[in-house]
N, C-alpha and C. Protein backbone atom coordinates (compact mmCIF):
# COMPACT_ATOMS: atom_id res chain seq x y z
N MET A 1 -102.80 65.42 27.90
CA MET A 1 -101.99 64.23 28.00
C MET A 1 -101.15 64.27 29.26
N THR A 2 -100.98 63.11 29.79
CA THR A 2 -100.19 63.04 31.01
C THR A 2 -98.71 62.91 30.65
N ASP A 3 -97.89 63.15 31.65
CA ASP A 3 -96.45 63.03 31.43
C ASP A 3 -96.06 61.60 31.05
N GLU A 4 -96.74 60.63 31.64
CA GLU A 4 -96.44 59.23 31.34
C GLU A 4 -96.78 58.90 29.89
N THR A 5 -97.89 59.42 29.41
CA THR A 5 -98.29 59.19 28.02
C THR A 5 -97.27 59.82 27.07
N LEU A 6 -96.86 61.02 27.37
CA LEU A 6 -95.87 61.70 26.54
C LEU A 6 -94.53 60.97 26.56
N LEU A 7 -94.13 60.50 27.73
CA LEU A 7 -92.87 59.76 27.84
C LEU A 7 -92.95 58.45 27.06
N ALA A 8 -94.08 57.78 27.10
CA ALA A 8 -94.25 56.52 26.36
C ALA A 8 -94.20 56.79 24.86
N ARG A 9 -94.86 57.85 24.42
CA ARG A 9 -94.83 58.20 23.00
C ARG A 9 -93.42 58.56 22.57
N LEU A 10 -92.72 59.29 23.41
CA LEU A 10 -91.34 59.68 23.10
C LEU A 10 -90.45 58.44 23.01
N ALA A 11 -90.63 57.50 23.92
CA ALA A 11 -89.84 56.28 23.91
C ALA A 11 -90.11 55.47 22.63
N ARG A 12 -91.39 55.36 22.22
CA ARG A 12 -91.73 54.65 20.98
C ARG A 12 -91.14 55.37 19.77
N THR A 13 -91.20 56.69 19.78
CA THR A 13 -90.65 57.47 18.67
C THR A 13 -89.14 57.29 18.57
N GLU A 14 -88.46 57.31 19.71
CA GLU A 14 -87.00 57.12 19.71
C GLU A 14 -86.64 55.72 19.24
N ALA A 15 -87.42 54.73 19.65
CA ALA A 15 -87.15 53.35 19.22
C ALA A 15 -87.36 53.21 17.71
N ALA A 16 -88.42 53.82 17.22
CA ALA A 16 -88.68 53.77 15.77
C ALA A 16 -87.57 54.48 15.01
N MET A 17 -87.12 55.60 15.53
CA MET A 17 -86.05 56.35 14.88
C MET A 17 -84.75 55.53 14.86
N ALA A 18 -84.44 54.87 15.95
CA ALA A 18 -83.24 54.03 16.00
C ALA A 18 -83.35 52.89 14.98
N HIS A 19 -84.53 52.31 14.86
CA HIS A 19 -84.75 51.24 13.89
C HIS A 19 -84.56 51.76 12.47
N LEU A 20 -85.11 52.91 12.17
CA LEU A 20 -84.97 53.51 10.84
C LEU A 20 -83.52 53.86 10.53
N GLU A 21 -82.79 54.35 11.52
CA GLU A 21 -81.38 54.68 11.31
C GLU A 21 -80.58 53.42 11.00
N ARG A 22 -80.89 52.34 11.70
CA ARG A 22 -80.21 51.07 11.45
C ARG A 22 -80.51 50.57 10.04
N ASN A 23 -81.80 50.62 9.65
CA ASN A 23 -82.18 50.21 8.30
C ASN A 23 -81.48 51.06 7.25
N PHE A 24 -81.41 52.36 7.50
CA PHE A 24 -80.74 53.26 6.57
C PHE A 24 -79.28 52.88 6.42
N ASP A 25 -78.60 52.63 7.51
CA ASP A 25 -77.18 52.25 7.47
C ASP A 25 -76.99 50.93 6.73
N ASP A 26 -77.88 49.96 6.99
CA ASP A 26 -77.79 48.67 6.30
C ASP A 26 -78.00 48.83 4.80
N LEU A 27 -79.01 49.60 4.42
CA LEU A 27 -79.28 49.81 3.00
C LEU A 27 -78.15 50.60 2.34
N ASN A 28 -77.59 51.54 3.04
CA ASN A 28 -76.47 52.31 2.50
C ASN A 28 -75.28 51.39 2.22
N ALA A 29 -75.02 50.46 3.12
CA ALA A 29 -73.93 49.51 2.92
C ALA A 29 -74.19 48.64 1.69
N VAL A 30 -75.44 48.23 1.50
CA VAL A 30 -75.80 47.42 0.33
C VAL A 30 -75.57 48.23 -0.95
N VAL A 31 -75.98 49.47 -0.96
CA VAL A 31 -75.81 50.32 -2.15
C VAL A 31 -74.32 50.51 -2.46
N ILE A 32 -73.52 50.71 -1.44
CA ILE A 32 -72.07 50.88 -1.65
C ILE A 32 -71.47 49.60 -2.22
N ASP A 33 -71.86 48.44 -1.68
CA ASP A 33 -71.36 47.15 -2.19
C ASP A 33 -71.80 46.94 -3.64
N GLN A 34 -73.04 47.27 -3.95
CA GLN A 34 -73.53 47.11 -5.31
C GLN A 34 -72.77 48.03 -6.27
N GLY A 35 -72.45 49.23 -5.83
CA GLY A 35 -71.67 50.14 -6.65
C GLY A 35 -70.30 49.56 -6.99
N LYS A 36 -69.68 48.91 -6.01
CA LYS A 36 -68.38 48.28 -6.24
C LYS A 36 -68.50 47.13 -7.23
N VAL A 37 -69.55 46.33 -7.07
CA VAL A 37 -69.77 45.21 -7.99
C VAL A 37 -70.01 45.73 -9.41
N ILE A 38 -70.82 46.76 -9.53
CA ILE A 38 -71.10 47.33 -10.85
C ILE A 38 -69.82 47.86 -11.48
N ALA A 39 -68.98 48.52 -10.72
CA ALA A 39 -67.72 49.04 -11.25
C ALA A 39 -66.84 47.90 -11.75
N ARG A 40 -66.76 46.81 -10.98
CA ARG A 40 -65.96 45.65 -11.41
C ARG A 40 -66.53 45.03 -12.68
N LEU A 41 -67.86 44.91 -12.75
CA LEU A 41 -68.49 44.33 -13.93
C LEU A 41 -68.28 45.21 -15.16
N GLN A 42 -68.35 46.53 -14.99
CA GLN A 42 -68.11 47.42 -16.11
C GLN A 42 -66.68 47.29 -16.63
N LYS A 43 -65.74 47.20 -15.71
CA LYS A 43 -64.34 47.04 -16.12
C LYS A 43 -64.15 45.72 -16.86
N ARG A 44 -64.74 44.66 -16.34
CA ARG A 44 -64.62 43.34 -16.99
C ARG A 44 -65.29 43.36 -18.36
N LEU A 45 -66.42 44.02 -18.47
CA LEU A 45 -67.12 44.11 -19.74
C LEU A 45 -66.27 44.84 -20.78
N GLU A 46 -65.60 45.91 -20.36
CA GLU A 46 -64.70 46.63 -21.25
C GLU A 46 -63.55 45.73 -21.71
N GLU A 47 -62.99 44.97 -20.78
CA GLU A 47 -61.90 44.05 -21.12
C GLU A 47 -62.36 43.00 -22.13
N LEU A 48 -63.54 42.44 -21.90
CA LEU A 48 -64.07 41.43 -22.82
C LEU A 48 -64.38 42.03 -24.18
N GLY A 49 -64.87 43.26 -24.19
CA GLY A 49 -65.14 43.94 -25.45
C GLY A 49 -63.87 44.15 -26.25
N LYS A 50 -62.80 44.55 -25.58
CA LYS A 50 -61.52 44.75 -26.26
C LYS A 50 -60.99 43.41 -26.79
N THR A 51 -61.14 42.36 -26.00
CA THR A 51 -60.69 41.04 -26.44
C THR A 51 -61.48 40.60 -27.67
N LEU A 52 -62.77 40.80 -27.65
CA LEU A 52 -63.60 40.42 -28.78
C LEU A 52 -63.24 41.23 -30.02
N GLU A 53 -63.01 42.52 -29.86
CA GLU A 53 -62.62 43.36 -31.00
C GLU A 53 -61.29 42.89 -31.59
N SER A 54 -60.35 42.55 -30.75
CA SER A 54 -59.05 42.09 -31.26
C SER A 54 -59.19 40.76 -31.99
N ARG A 55 -60.07 39.90 -31.53
CA ARG A 55 -60.29 38.62 -32.20
C ARG A 55 -61.00 38.82 -33.53
N GLU A 56 -61.87 39.80 -33.60
CA GLU A 56 -62.57 40.10 -34.85
C GLU A 56 -61.58 40.54 -35.92
N THR A 57 -60.59 41.33 -35.53
CA THR A 57 -59.62 41.80 -36.51
C THR A 57 -58.64 40.71 -36.92
N GLU A 58 -58.50 39.70 -36.09
CA GLU A 58 -57.59 38.59 -36.39
C GLU A 58 -58.28 37.44 -37.10
N ARG A 59 -59.52 37.61 -37.47
CA ARG A 59 -60.32 36.54 -38.07
C ARG A 59 -59.74 36.17 -39.45
N PRO A 60 -59.49 34.89 -39.68
CA PRO A 60 -59.00 34.45 -40.99
C PRO A 60 -60.03 34.74 -42.09
N ALA A 61 -59.55 34.87 -43.32
CA ALA A 61 -60.43 35.23 -44.44
C ALA A 61 -61.55 34.21 -44.63
N HIS A 62 -61.27 32.92 -44.43
CA HIS A 62 -62.31 31.91 -44.65
C HIS A 62 -63.40 31.95 -43.58
N LEU A 63 -63.19 32.73 -42.50
CA LEU A 63 -64.21 32.86 -41.45
C LEU A 63 -64.86 34.24 -41.47
N GLU A 64 -64.76 34.95 -42.57
CA GLU A 64 -65.39 36.27 -42.67
C GLU A 64 -66.91 36.13 -42.51
N LYS A 65 -67.52 37.17 -42.03
CA LYS A 65 -68.96 37.17 -41.87
C LYS A 65 -69.61 37.11 -43.25
N PRO A 66 -70.71 36.40 -43.38
CA PRO A 66 -71.40 36.33 -44.66
C PRO A 66 -71.96 37.70 -45.04
N PRO A 67 -72.17 37.95 -46.34
CA PRO A 67 -72.62 39.27 -46.78
C PRO A 67 -74.00 39.65 -46.23
N HIS A 68 -74.84 38.69 -45.94
CA HIS A 68 -76.19 39.01 -45.45
C HIS A 68 -76.17 39.40 -43.97
N TYR A 69 -75.04 39.19 -43.30
CA TYR A 69 -74.94 39.54 -41.88
C TYR A 69 -74.57 41.01 -41.77
N SER A 70 -75.40 41.74 -41.03
CA SER A 70 -75.04 43.14 -40.75
C SER A 70 -75.39 43.44 -39.31
N PRO A 71 -74.48 44.04 -38.59
CA PRO A 71 -74.72 44.30 -37.16
C PRO A 71 -75.79 45.33 -36.92
C-alpha cells in the first residue's frame, strides 16, 4: 500500500470514529433525559397511589366494594 492509500484510510477511519463518538454522546444524553423522566414518573405514580389508598379508606359505607369483587 502506498502512503496516500494509508493516509486516505486513516482519514476515513478518523471521520467514522468522530461520527460514532458524536452518536454515542447524543444517545447518552437521550438515556440521561429518559432516566430523569422515569424518575419523575415513578415519583408521581407513588403520589397517585398514596392518594388512591387514602381515598379507599375514606370510602363511605354505601360505596363499599361488592362481595364478588376481589383484587
